[in-house]
C-alpha atoms as a PDB file:
ATOM      1  CA  MET A   1     102.940  15.901 267.647  1.00  0.00           C
ATOM      2  CA  THR A   2     105.648  16.981 270.096  1.00  0.00           C
ATOM      3  CA  THR A   3     104.597  20.637 269.799  1.00  0.00           C
ATOM      4  CA  TRP A   4     100.967  19.702 270.334  1.00  0.00           C
ATOM      5  CA  LEU A   5     101.803  17.729 273.482  1.00  0.00           C
ATOM      6  CA  MET A   6     103.941  20.552 274.843  1.00  0.00           C
ATOM      7  CA  THR A   7     101.124  23.020 274.226  1.00  0.00           C
ATOM      8  CA  ARG A   8      98.599  20.817 275.976  1.00  0.00           C
ATOM      9  CA  ALA A   9     100.980  20.298 278.898  1.00  0.00           C
ATOM     10  CA  ALA A  10     101.561  24.053 279.222  1.00  0.00           C
ATOM     11  CA  ARG A  11      97.842  24.798 279.177  1.00  0.00           C
ATOM     12  CA  THR A  12      97.204  22.114 281.792  1.00  0.00           C
ATOM     13  CA  LEU A  13      99.934  23.540 284.031  1.00  0.00           C
ATOM     14  CA  VAL A  14      98.583  27.063 283.746  1.00  0.00           C
ATOM     15  CA  ARG A  15      94.986  26.034 284.364  1.00  0.00           C
ATOM     16  CA  SER A  16      95.958  23.955 287.375  1.00  0.00           C
ATOM     17  CA  SER A  17      97.386  27.110 288.966  1.00  0.00           C
ATOM     18  CA  TYR A  18      94.242  29.221 288.564  1.00  0.00           C
ATOM     19  CA  ARG A  19      93.271  28.631 292.176  1.00  0.00           C
ATOM     20  CA  GLY A  20      96.442  30.263 293.484  1.00  0.00           C
ATOM     21  CA  PRO A  21      96.609  33.987 294.354  1.00  0.00           C
ATOM     22  CA  PHE A  22      99.806  34.342 292.311  1.00  0.00           C
ATOM     23  CA  MET A  23      97.664  34.082 289.173  1.00  0.00           C
ATOM     24  CA  ARG A  24      96.125  37.477 289.892  1.00  0.00           C
ATOM     25  CA  GLY A  25      99.090  39.232 288.288  1.00  0.00           C
ATOM     26  CA  PRO A  26      98.777  37.421 284.936  1.00  0.00           C
ATOM     27  CA  LEU A  27      94.994  37.825 285.053  1.00  0.00           C
ATOM     28  CA  ARG A  28      95.325  41.532 285.682  1.00  0.00           C
ATOM     29  CA  ARG A  29      97.816  41.912 282.844  1.00  0.00           C
ATOM     30  CA  ALA A  30      95.649  39.881 280.456  1.00  0.00           C
ATOM     31  CA  LEU A  31      92.640  42.056 281.233  1.00  0.00           C
ATOM     32  CA  SER A  32      94.439  45.386 281.124  1.00  0.00           C
ATOM     33  CA  GLY A  33      94.434  47.673 278.108  1.00  0.00           C
ATOM     34  CA  THR A  34      91.091  46.459 276.800  1.00  0.00           C
ATOM     35  CA  VAL A  35      87.487  46.191 277.982  1.00  0.00           C
ATOM     36  CA  THR A  36      86.050  42.792 278.917  1.00  0.00           C
ATOM     37  CA  VAL A  37      82.284  42.479 278.459  1.00  0.00           C
ATOM     38  CA  LEU A  38      80.622  39.591 280.300  1.00  0.00           C
ATOM     39  CA  LEU A  39      77.130  38.239 279.638  1.00  0.00           C
ATOM     40  CA  TYR A  40      74.816  36.672 282.199  1.00  0.00           C
ATOM     41  CA  HIS A  41      71.193  35.603 281.891  1.00  0.00           C
ATOM     42  CA  ARG A  42      69.545  34.280 285.043  1.00  0.00           C
ATOM     43  CA  ILE A  43      71.140  34.623 288.481  1.00  0.00           C
ATOM     44  CA  ALA A  44      69.332  31.820 290.307  1.00  0.00           C
ATOM     45  CA  GLU A  45      69.763  28.357 291.749  1.00  0.00           C
ATOM     46  CA  HIS A  46      69.929  25.703 289.054  1.00  0.00           C
ATOM     47  CA  HIS A  47      66.904  23.738 290.284  1.00  0.00           C
ATOM     48  CA  ASP A  48      64.725  26.854 290.034  1.00  0.00           C
ATOM     49  CA  ALA A  49      63.409  26.193 286.498  1.00  0.00           C
ATOM     50  CA  PRO A  50      65.337  23.223 285.071  1.00  0.00           C
ATOM     51  CA  TRP A  51      63.173  22.980 281.944  1.00  0.00           C
ATOM     52  CA  LEU A  52      64.108  26.565 281.076  1.00  0.00           C
ATOM     53  CA  GLU A  53      67.818  25.998 281.637  1.00  0.00           C
ATOM     54  CA  ALA A  54      67.622  22.812 279.539  1.00  0.00           C
ATOM     55  CA  SER A  55      66.462  24.946 276.618  1.00  0.00           C
ATOM     56  CA  GLY A  56      69.897  26.568 276.468  1.00  0.00           C
ATOM     57  CA  LEU A  57      69.270  29.500 278.820  1.00  0.00           C
ATOM     58  CA  PRO A  58      72.437  29.968 280.925  1.00  0.00           C
ATOM     59  CA  CYS A  59      71.998  30.215 284.679  1.00  0.00           C
ATOM     60  CA  THR A  60      74.554  31.331 287.272  1.00  0.00           C
ATOM     61  CA  SER A  61      74.079  30.705 290.987  1.00  0.00           C
ATOM     62  CA  PRO A  62      74.008  33.766 293.285  1.00  0.00           C
ATOM     63  CA  LYS A  63      76.998  32.388 295.207  1.00  0.00           C
ATOM     64  CA  ALA A  64      79.027  32.066 292.014  1.00  0.00           C
ATOM     65  CA  PHE A  65      78.014  35.531 290.805  1.00  0.00           C
ATOM     66  CA  ARG A  66      79.243  37.039 294.065  1.00  0.00           C
ATOM     67  CA  GLU A  67      82.521  35.159 293.689  1.00  0.00           C
ATOM     68  CA  HIS A  68      82.899  36.517 290.148  1.00  0.00           C
ATOM     69  CA  LEU A  69      82.415  40.078 291.370  1.00  0.00           C
ATOM     70  CA  GLN A  70      84.784  39.496 294.278  1.00  0.00           C
ATOM     71  CA  LEU A  71      87.521  38.181 291.985  1.00  0.00           C
ATOM     72  CA  LEU A  72      87.128  41.066 289.548  1.00  0.00           C
ATOM     73  CA  THR A  73      87.274  43.511 292.463  1.00  0.00           C
ATOM     74  CA  GLU A  74      90.439  41.883 293.779  1.00  0.00           C
ATOM     75  CA  LEU A  75      91.923  42.308 290.292  1.00  0.00           C
ATOM     76  CA  GLY A  76      91.244  46.033 290.591  1.00  0.00           C
ATOM     77  CA  ALA A  77      88.554  46.031 287.901  1.00  0.00           C
ATOM     78  CA  GLU A  78      86.772  49.245 287.014  1.00  0.00           C
ATOM     79  CA  PHE A  79      83.123  48.403 286.375  1.00  0.00           C
ATOM     80  CA  LEU A  80      81.532  50.391 283.556  1.00  0.00           C
ATOM     81  CA  THR A  81      78.233  50.581 281.742  1.00  0.00           C
ATOM     82  CA  LEU A  82      78.190  50.904 277.960  1.00  0.00           C
ATOM     83  CA  ASP A  83      76.998  54.493 278.343  1.00  0.00           C
ATOM     84  CA  GLU A  84      80.064  55.235 280.463  1.00  0.00           C
ATOM     85  CA  LEU A  85      82.291  53.469 277.983  1.00  0.00           C
ATOM     86  CA  ASP A  86      80.748  55.060 274.920  1.00  0.00           C
ATOM     87  CA  PRO A  87      82.414  58.522 275.030  1.00  0.00           C
ATOM     88  CA  GLN A  88      85.735  56.951 276.016  1.00  0.00           C
ATOM     89  CA  VAL A  89      85.791  54.655 272.988  1.00  0.00           C
ATOM     90  CA  LYS A  90      84.364  57.362 270.739  1.00  0.00           C
ATOM     91  CA  ASN A  91      87.072  59.849 271.675  1.00  0.00           C
ATOM     92  CA  GLY A  92      89.846  57.261 271.880  1.00  0.00           C
ATOM     93  CA  LEU A  93      90.987  55.953 275.239  1.00  0.00           C
ATOM     94  CA  GLU A  94      94.562  56.326 276.409  1.00  0.00           C
ATOM     95  CA  LYS A  95      96.814  53.758 274.791  1.00  0.00           C
ATOM     96  CA  ARG A  96      98.273  51.107 277.019  1.00  0.00           C
ATOM     97  CA  LYS A  97     101.994  51.483 277.679  1.00  0.00           C
ATOM     98  CA  SER A  98     103.864  48.295 276.952  1.00  0.00           C
ATOM     99  CA  HIS A  99     105.319  47.893 280.449  1.00  0.00           C
ATOM    100  CA  SER A 100     102.461  49.229 282.562  1.00  0.00           C
ATOM    101  CA  VAL A 101      99.616  47.326 284.139  1.00  0.00           C
ATOM    102  CA  ALA A 102      96.429  49.329 283.512  1.00  0.00           C
ATOM    103  CA  ARG A 103      93.336  48.887 285.634  1.00  0.00           C
ATOM    104  CA  PRO A 104      91.080  46.228 284.039  1.00  0.00           C
ATOM    105  CA  ARG A 105      87.794  47.549 282.697  1.00  0.00           C
ATOM    106  CA  VAL A 106      84.762  45.277 282.813  1.00  0.00           C
ATOM    107  CA  VAL A 107      81.142  45.634 281.657  1.00  0.00           C
ATOM    108  CA  ILE A 108      78.596  43.267 283.257  1.00  0.00           C
ATOM    109  CA  THR A 109      75.566  42.660 281.024  1.00  0.00           C
ATOM    110  CA  PHE A 110      72.359  40.619 281.295  1.00  0.00           C
ATOM    111  CA  ASP A 111      70.046  39.450 278.517  1.00  0.00           C
ATOM    112  CA  ASP A 112      66.277  38.869 278.501  1.00  0.00           C
ATOM    113  CA  GLY A 113      64.886  40.606 281.587  1.00  0.00           C
ATOM    114  CA  PHE A 114      64.277  38.095 284.360  1.00  0.00           C
ATOM    115  CA  ALA A 115      63.203  39.193 287.821  1.00  0.00           C
ATOM    116  CA  ASP A 116      66.277  37.677 289.490  1.00  0.00           C
ATOM    117  CA  ASN A 117      68.428  40.159 287.563  1.00  0.00           C
ATOM    118  CA  PHE A 118      66.848  42.939 289.633  1.00  0.00           C
ATOM    119  CA  GLU A 119      66.123  41.049 292.852  1.00  0.00           C
ATOM    120  CA  VAL A 120      69.532  39.376 293.164  1.00  0.00           C
ATOM    121  CA  ALA A 121      72.088  40.650 290.644  1.00  0.00           C
ATOM    122  CA  ALA A 122      71.476  44.409 290.797  1.00  0.00           C
ATOM    123  CA  PRO A 123      71.737  44.672 294.618  1.00  0.00           C
ATOM    124  CA  MET A 124      74.843  42.489 294.546  1.00  0.00           C
ATOM    125  CA  LEU A 125      76.433  44.704 291.902  1.00  0.00           C
ATOM    126  CA  GLU A 126      75.713  47.733 294.046  1.00  0.00           C
ATOM    127  CA  GLU A 127      77.495  46.100 296.985  1.00  0.00           C
ATOM    128  CA  PHE A 128      80.620  46.164 294.820  1.00  0.00           C
ATOM    129  CA  GLN A 129      79.966  49.769 293.663  1.00  0.00           C
ATOM    130  CA  ALA A 130      79.192  48.441 290.194  1.00  0.00           C
ATOM    131  CA  ARG A 131      76.373  49.026 287.750  1.00  0.00           C
ATOM    132  CA  GLY A 132      75.144  46.587 285.107  1.00  0.00           C
ATOM    133  CA  VAL A 133      73.598  46.737 281.648  1.00  0.00           C
ATOM    134  CA  PHE A 134      70.228  44.966 281.416  1.00  0.00           C
ATOM    135  CA  PHE A 135      68.889  44.135 277.943  1.00  0.00           C
ATOM    136  CA  ILE A 136      65.109  43.717 278.166  1.00  0.00           C
ATOM    137  CA  THR A 137      62.782  41.665 275.986  1.00  0.00           C
ATOM    138  CA  THR A 138      59.879  44.066 276.407  1.00  0.00           C
ATOM    139  CA  SER A 139      57.061  41.503 276.215  1.00  0.00           C
ATOM    140  CA  LEU A 140      58.357  39.972 279.487  1.00  0.00           C
ATOM    141  CA  PRO A 141      57.462  42.846 281.837  1.00  0.00           C
ATOM    142  CA  ASP A 142      54.156  43.070 279.949  1.00  0.00           C
ATOM    143  CA  LYS A 143      53.628  39.487 281.233  1.00  0.00           C
ATOM    144  CA  ALA A 144      53.107  37.974 277.802  1.00  0.00           C
ATOM    145  CA  VAL A 145      54.310  34.364 277.911  1.00  0.00           C
ATOM    146  CA  LEU A 146      57.211  34.240 275.488  1.00  0.00           C
ATOM    147  CA  LEU A 147      56.692  31.919 272.511  1.00  0.00           C
ATOM    148  CA  ASP A 148      60.211  30.525 272.922  1.00  0.00           C
ATOM    149  CA  HIS A 149      59.436  29.632 276.544  1.00  0.00           C
ATOM    150  CA  ARG A 150      56.286  27.798 275.481  1.00  0.00           C
ATOM    151  CA  LEU A 151      58.430  25.922 272.957  1.00  0.00           C
ATOM    152  CA  ALA A 152      61.023  25.109 275.611  1.00  0.00           C
ATOM    153  CA  TRP A 153      58.299  23.836 277.959  1.00  0.00           C
ATOM    154  CA  LEU A 154      57.076  21.356 275.367  1.00  0.00           C
ATOM    155  CA  ASN A 155      60.626  20.323 274.496  1.00  0.00           C
ATOM    156  CA  ALA A 156      61.277  19.407 278.136  1.00  0.00           C
ATOM    157  CA  SER A 157      59.011  16.322 277.991  1.00  0.00           C
ATOM    158  CA  GLU A 158      59.276  13.234 275.798  1.00  0.00           C
ATOM    159  CA  ASP A 159      55.656  13.569 274.700  1.00  0.00           C
ATOM    160  CA  GLY A 160      56.215  17.207 273.856  1.00  0.00           C
ATOM    161  CA  GLN A 161      59.315  16.386 271.812  1.00  0.00           C
ATOM    162  CA  ARG A 162      57.393  13.753 269.868  1.00  0.00           C
ATOM    163  CA  CYS A 163      54.694  16.306 269.060  1.00  0.00           C
ATOM    164  CA  LEU A 164      57.272  18.833 267.932  1.00  0.00           C
ATOM    165  CA  TRP A 165      59.143  16.294 265.783  1.00  0.00           C
ATOM    166  CA  GLN A 166      55.933  15.203 264.059  1.00  0.00           C
ATOM    167  CA  ALA A 167      54.888  18.773 263.335  1.00  0.00           C
ATOM    168  CA  LEU A 168      58.345  19.647 262.015  1.00  0.00           C
ATOM    169  CA  GLU A 169      58.408  16.606 259.754  1.00  0.00           C
ATOM    170  CA  ASP A 170      54.976  17.468 258.357  1.00  0.00           C
ATOM    171  CA  ARG A 171      56.025  21.033 257.561  1.00  0.00           C
ATOM    172  CA  LEU A 172      59.572  20.492 256.339  1.00  0.00           C
ATOM    173  CA  ARG A 173      59.222  17.261 254.344  1.00  0.00           C
ATOM    174  CA  PRO A 174      61.101  16.440 252.119  1.00  0.00           C
ATOM    175  CA  VAL A 175      63.847  18.572 253.742  1.00  0.00           C
ATOM    176  CA  PRO A 176      65.820  16.419 256.243  1.00  0.00           C
ATOM    177  CA  ILE A 177      65.305  17.420 259.876  1.00  0.00           C
ATOM    178  CA  PRO A 178      68.584  18.316 261.665  1.00  0.00           C
ATOM    179  CA  VAL A 179      69.571  15.909 264.413  1.00  0.00           C
ATOM    180  CA  ALA A 180      70.278  18.713 266.914  1.00  0.00           C
ATOM    181  CA  GLY A 181      66.744  18.414 268.280  1.00  0.00           C
ATOM    182  CA  PRO A 182      63.282  19.852 267.701  1.00  0.00           C
ATOM    183  CA  LEU A 183      63.931  22.994 269.740  1.00  0.00           C
ATOM    184  CA  TRP A 184      66.964  23.921 267.645  1.00  0.00           C
ATOM    185  CA  ALA A 185      65.226  22.986 264.384  1.00  0.00           C
ATOM    186  CA  ALA A 186      62.140  25.070 265.145  1.00  0.00           C
ATOM    187  CA  ARG A 187      64.170  28.104 266.188  1.00  0.00           C
ATOM    188  CA  GLN A 188      66.435  27.976 263.157  1.00  0.00           C
ATOM    189  CA  LEU A 189      64.104  26.849 260.377  1.00  0.00           C
ATOM    190  CA  LEU A 190      60.627  28.186 261.107  1.00  0.00           C
ATOM    191  CA  SER A 191      59.025  31.609 261.263  1.00  0.00           C
ATOM    192  CA  PRO A 192      57.354  32.800 264.497  1.00  0.00           C
ATOM    193  CA  ALA A 193      53.941  32.171 262.902  1.00  0.00           C
ATOM    194  CA  GLU A 194      54.908  28.572 262.033  1.00  0.00           C
ATOM    195  CA  ILE A 195      56.276  27.994 265.537  1.00  0.00           C
ATOM    196  CA  GLU A 196      53.059  29.383 267.026  1.00  0.00           C
ATOM    197  CA  THR A 197      51.003  26.913 264.974  1.00  0.00           C
ATOM    198  CA  ILE A 198      53.182  23.980 266.047  1.00  0.00           C
ATOM    199  CA  VAL A 199      53.106  25.010 269.702  1.00  0.00           C
ATOM    200  CA  ILE A 200      49.307  25.371 269.722  1.00  0.00           C
ATOM    201  CA  GLU A 201      48.928  21.912 268.181  1.00  0.00           C
ATOM    202  CA  ALA A 202      51.304  20.364 270.722  1.00  0.00           C
ATOM    203  CA  GLU A 203      49.724  22.193 273.663  1.00  0.00           C
ATOM    204  CA  ARG A 204      46.345  20.638 272.806  1.00  0.00           C
ATOM    205  CA  ARG A 205      47.869  17.218 273.459  1.00  0.00           C
ATOM    206  CA  ILE A 206      50.426  17.910 276.189  1.00  0.00           C
ATOM    207  CA  GLY A 207      49.048  20.947 277.967  1.00  0.00           C
ATOM    208  CA  PRO A 208      50.280  24.541 277.832  1.00  0.00           C
ATOM    209  CA  LEU A 209      52.862  26.330 279.918  1.00  0.00           C
ATOM    210  CA  GLN A 210      50.798  28.019 282.622  1.00  0.00           C
ATOM    211  CA  ARG A 211      51.260  31.737 283.270  1.00  0.00           C
ATOM    212  CA  GLU A 212      51.875  31.107 286.967  1.00  0.00           C
ATOM    213  CA  GLN A 213      54.802  28.844 286.040  1.00  0.00           C
ATOM    214  CA  ILE A 214      56.704  31.473 284.062  1.00  0.00           C
ATOM    215  CA  CYS A 215      55.400  35.029 284.568  1.00  0.00           C
ATOM    216  CA  PRO A 216      56.727  35.319 288.155  1.00  0.00           C
ATOM    217  CA  LEU A 217      60.195  34.783 286.655  1.00  0.00           C
ATOM    218  CA  TYR A 218      59.784  37.879 284.466  1.00  0.00           C
ATOM    219  CA  ALA A 219      60.839  41.307 285.748  1.00  0.00           C
ATOM    220  CA  THR A 220      58.236  44.005 286.267  1.00  0.00           C
ATOM    221  CA  TRP A 221      58.345  47.524 284.851  1.00  0.00           C
ATOM    222  CA  ASP A 222      58.703  48.850 288.400  1.00  0.00           C
ATOM    223  CA  GLN A 223      61.813  46.727 288.981  1.00  0.00           C
ATOM    224  CA  ILE A 224      63.351  47.921 285.722  1.00  0.00           C
ATOM    225  CA  ALA A 225      62.523  51.567 286.482  1.00  0.00           C
ATOM    226  CA  ILE A 226      64.065  51.358 289.968  1.00  0.00           C
ATOM    227  CA  ALA A 227      67.255  49.843 288.522  1.00  0.00           C
ATOM    228  CA  ALA A 228      67.476  52.643 285.955  1.00  0.00           C
ATOM    229  CA  LYS A 229      67.092  55.270 288.706  1.00  0.00           C
ATOM    230  CA  ARG A 230      69.896  53.605 290.670  1.00  0.00           C
ATOM    231  CA  GLY A 231      72.315  54.048 287.769  1.00  0.00           C
ATOM    232  CA  HIS A 232      72.060  50.744 285.949  1.00  0.00           C
ATOM    233  CA  GLN A 233      71.786  50.974 282.176  1.00  0.00           C
ATOM    234  CA  ILE A 234      68.763  49.535 280.386  1.00  0.00           C
ATOM    235  CA  GLY A 235      68.970  48.310 276.790  1.00  0.00           C
ATOM    236  CA  ALA A 236      66.618  46.634 274.325  1.00  0.00           C
ATOM    237  CA  HIS A 237      66.504  42.949 273.381  1.00  0.00           C
ATOM    238  CA  THR A 238      63.544  43.108 270.936  1.00  0.00           C
ATOM    239  CA  VAL A 239      59.864  42.700 271.854  1.00  0.00           C
ATOM    240  CA  HIS A 240      59.349  38.945 271.346  1.00  0.00           C
ATOM    241  CA  HIS A 241      62.917  37.501 271.340  1.00  0.00           C
ATOM    242  CA  PRO A 242      62.673  36.064 267.796  1.00  0.00           C
ATOM    243  CA  MET A 243      65.390  34.312 265.849  1.00  0.00           C
ATOM    244  CA  ARG A 244      66.668  36.974 263.458  1.00  0.00           C
ATOM    245  CA  TYR A 245      67.038  34.571 260.536  1.00  0.00           C
ATOM    246  CA  SER A 246      63.279  34.005 260.478  1.00  0.00           C
ATOM    247  CA  LEU A 247      62.485  37.725 260.078  1.00  0.00           C
ATOM    248  CA  SER A 248      62.518  40.069 257.121  1.00  0.00           C
ATOM    249  CA  ALA A 249      64.423  43.326 257.458  1.00  0.00           C
ATOM    250  CA  ALA A 250      61.112  45.146 257.953  1.00  0.00           C
ATOM    251  CA  GLU A 251      60.001  42.732 260.701  1.00  0.00           C
ATOM    252  CA  PHE A 252      63.375  43.035 262.415  1.00  0.00           C
ATOM    253  CA  THR A 253      63.111  46.838 262.273  1.00  0.00           C
ATOM    254  CA  THR A 254      59.663  46.657 263.884  1.00  0.00           C
ATOM    255  CA  GLU A 255      61.079  44.582 266.754  1.00  0.00           C
ATOM    256  CA  LEU A 256      63.849  47.152 267.225  1.00  0.00           C
ATOM    257  CA  VAL A 257      61.679  50.250 267.071  1.00  0.00           C
ATOM    258  CA  GLU A 258      58.839  48.930 269.226  1.00  0.00           C
ATOM    259  CA  SER A 259      61.164  47.635 271.957  1.00  0.00           C
ATOM    260  CA  LYS A 260      63.017  50.965 272.067  1.00  0.00           C
ATOM    261  CA  GLN A 261      59.778  52.950 272.179  1.00  0.00           C
ATOM    262  CA  SER A 262      58.328  50.767 274.929  1.00  0.00           C
ATOM    263  CA  LEU A 263      61.396  51.125 277.139  1.00  0.00           C
ATOM    264  CA  GLU A 264      61.601  54.874 276.600  1.00  0.00           C
ATOM    265  CA  ALA A 265      57.892  55.310 277.357  1.00  0.00           C
ATOM    266  CA  HIS A 266      58.172  53.403 280.651  1.00  0.00           C
ATOM    267  CA  LEU A 267      61.538  54.784 281.769  1.00  0.00           C
ATOM    268  CA  GLY A 268      61.566  58.300 280.344  1.00  0.00           C
ATOM    269  CA  CYS A 269      65.148  58.064 279.082  1.00  0.00           C
ATOM    270  CA  ASP A 270      66.954  57.506 275.796  1.00  0.00           C
ATOM    271  CA  ILE A 271      67.703  53.830 275.085  1.00  0.00           C
ATOM    272  CA  ARG A 272      70.969  53.540 273.189  1.00  0.00           C
ATOM    273  CA  ALA A 273      71.961  49.873 273.633  1.00  0.00           C
ATOM    274  CA  PHE A 274      70.684  46.722 271.922  1.00  0.00           C
ATOM    275  CA  SER A 275      71.679  43.052 271.999  1.00  0.00           C
ATOM    276  CA  TYR A 276      70.789  40.357 269.444  1.00  0.00           C
ATOM    277  CA  PRO A 277      68.622  37.470 270.728  1.00  0.00           C
ATOM    278  CA  PHE A 278      70.406  34.125 270.233  1.00  0.00           C
ATOM    279  CA  ASN A 279      73.357  36.186 268.885  1.00  0.00           C
ATOM    280  CA  ALA A 280      71.646  35.846 265.498  1.00  0.00           C
ATOM    281  CA  TYR A 281      72.351  38.703 263.106  1.00  0.00           C
ATOM    282  CA  MET A 282      73.162  39.440 259.465  1.00  0.00           C
ATOM    283  CA  PHE A 283      75.941  41.562 258.037  1.00  0.00           C
ATOM    284  CA  THR A 284      73.512  44.401 257.279  1.00  0.00           C
ATOM    285  CA  ASP A 285      72.011  44.494 260.765  1.00  0.00           C
ATOM    286  CA  GLU A 286      74.393  46.998 262.322  1.00  0.00           C
ATOM    287  CA  ALA A 287      73.138  49.622 259.871  1.00  0.00           C
ATOM    288  CA  ILE A 288      69.525  48.650 260.623  1.00  0.00           C
ATOM    289  CA  CYS A 289      70.161  48.957 264.362  1.00  0.00           C
ATOM    290  CA  ARG A 290      71.790  52.345 263.971  1.00  0.00           C
ATOM    291  CA  ALA A 291      68.901  53.564 261.813  1.00  0.00           C
ATOM    292  CA  ALA A 292      66.537  52.520 264.626  1.00  0.00           C
ATOM    293  CA  GLY A 293      68.480  54.718 267.047  1.00  0.00           C
ATOM    294  CA  PHE A 294      70.907  52.284 268.699  1.00  0.00           C
ATOM    295  CA  ARG A 295      74.615  53.074 268.864  1.00  0.00           C
ATOM    296  CA  GLN A 296      75.748  50.323 271.269  1.00  0.00           C
ATOM    297  CA  ILE A 297      75.108  46.932 269.657  1.00  0.00           C
ATOM    298  CA  ALA A 298      76.047  43.802 271.584  1.00  0.00           C
ATOM    299  CA  THR A 299      76.818  40.370 270.159  1.00  0.00           C
ATOM    300  CA  VAL A 300      78.025  37.200 271.868  1.00  0.00           C
ATOM    301  CA  ASP A 301      81.066  36.935 269.630  1.00  0.00           C
ATOM    302  CA  PRO A 302      84.385  36.164 271.383  1.00  0.00           C
ATOM    303  CA  GLY A 303      86.930  38.839 272.099  1.00  0.00           C
ATOM    304  CA  ARG A 304      87.294  42.106 273.970  1.00  0.00           C
ATOM    305  CA  LEU A 305      86.874  45.740 273.066  1.00  0.00           C
ATOM    306  CA  ASN A 306      90.050  47.673 272.450  1.00  0.00           C
ATOM    307  CA  TYR A 307      90.521  51.395 272.738  1.00  0.00           C
ATOM    308  CA  THR A 308      90.307  52.017 269.017  1.00  0.00           C
ATOM    309  CA  GLY A 309      87.223  49.905 268.437  1.00  0.00           C
ATOM    310  CA  THR A 310      83.607  50.944 268.030  1.00  0.00           C
ATOM    311  CA  LEU A 311      80.468  49.927 269.863  1.00  0.00           C
ATOM    312  CA  GLY A 312      78.730  48.679 266.729  1.00  0.00           C
ATOM    313  CA  LYS A 313      79.670  45.041 267.313  1.00  0.00           C
ATOM    314  CA  ILE A 314      80.433  44.537 270.982  1.00  0.00           C
ATOM    315  CA  PRO A 315      81.970  41.127 271.798  1.00  0.00           C
ATOM    316  CA  ARG A 316      80.796  39.401 274.986  1.00  0.00           C
ATOM    317  CA  ARG A 317      81.542  36.155 276.737  1.00  0.00           C
ATOM    318  CA  THR A 318      78.758  34.158 278.377  1.00  0.00           C
ATOM    319  CA  ALA A 319      78.947  32.848 281.939  1.00  0.00           C
ATOM    320  CA  PHE A 320      77.456  29.336 281.928  1.00  0.00           C
ATOM    321  CA  CYS A 321      76.780  26.996 284.840  1.00  0.00           C
ATOM    322  CA  ILE A 322      80.285  25.530 284.482  1.00  0.00           C
ATOM    323  CA  HIS A 323      81.625  28.938 285.515  1.00  0.00           C
ATOM    324  CA  ASP A 324      80.044  28.472 288.941  1.00  0.00           C
ATOM    325  CA  SER A 325      83.476  26.958 289.536  1.00  0.00           C
ATOM    326  CA  LEU A 326      85.712  29.944 290.200  1.00  0.00           C
ATOM    327  CA  SER A 327      88.656  28.234 288.512  1.00  0.00           C
ATOM    328  CA  ARG A 328      86.580  27.871 285.336  1.00  0.00           C
ATOM    329  CA  PHE A 329      85.603  31.538 285.566  1.00  0.00           C
ATOM    330  CA  ARG A 330      89.292  32.457 285.757  1.00  0.00           C
ATOM    331  CA  GLU A 331      89.792  30.267 282.712  1.00  0.00           C
ATOM    332  CA  LEU A 332      86.982  32.134 280.936  1.00  0.00           C
ATOM    333  CA  LEU A 333      88.764  35.427 281.540  1.00  0.00           C
ATOM    334  CA  LEU A 334      91.964  34.149 279.978  1.00  0.00           C
ATOM    335  CA  ASP A 335      90.693  31.756 277.319  1.00  0.00           C
ATOM    336  CA  GLN A 336      90.411  32.277 273.545  1.00  0.00           C
ATOM    337  CA  GLY A 337      89.592  35.896 272.811  1.00  0.00           C
ATOM    338  CA  PHE A 338      90.687  36.963 276.294  1.00  0.00           C
ATOM    339  CA  THR A 339      94.320  35.940 275.969  1.00  0.00           C
ATOM    340  CA  GLU A 340      96.990  38.454 275.104  1.00  0.00           C
END
């Protein structure tokens, strides 16, 4: 008990000092010698689409994102894309000397493909001479309303939740329904076809998510192409953003291949990077991704890349709304997999 209390007291003392400039030295040392990969989703004000954020989609305010970039710049961070990192890791980066403080290396990534990534985040990155990695769900720029967004829209109202619960109970009886909520249960337990049926039934009673409510939030192909020309890296995030556990290996392969082909057709460049929607993957999926032509495969597992690692299972840490507080963002950089 004494050890536990001392540990808690030490952590509290350290975290209370995050606001001070003297913490930049420890932060720099903690980040040196490895590559930190950060994950963002939307860069927008939190009242912009509250029903979407309530579905579990992380959102970072533009002010906070600028503060994150400013802090990383003050720490001397070298901003990389995965393409820039790839040959370094492949050939073996220089090993960190035990008493030296190497320049921190950071990769800024974004999942899904929202317009604010290109209207707000990309220009801000360029202000700091940085380039990002944008993983695109390719049905979004095609302006197809994502099934998961329709599900989230229904889940945002009490009537919609009741419809979803009833449909889940009818389909899964006598299997007990998890208490985590209908959104989680549908994502985890049902196939896309089953979710589509449930959503259509609920929309008849509650009303559907209108295209004008969601499609303006999706990036356009022109925005993505301009970002690629300006040096940002574009990666794939499947076509329809499905939960991997609900797909067969063949269906998963189709999502991989079609998203890669769509991006390459629109952008005219080789797409080498992929990230798993919902961070859902199976132990055989790295081989499936590589067979589809991807060599940079991003997860949302904790940790950092080291100089002897590969890019077949890239760890990333997500910036949530709580990290709009700069002290909490500093804590994110040091916490769990980011500590020495």
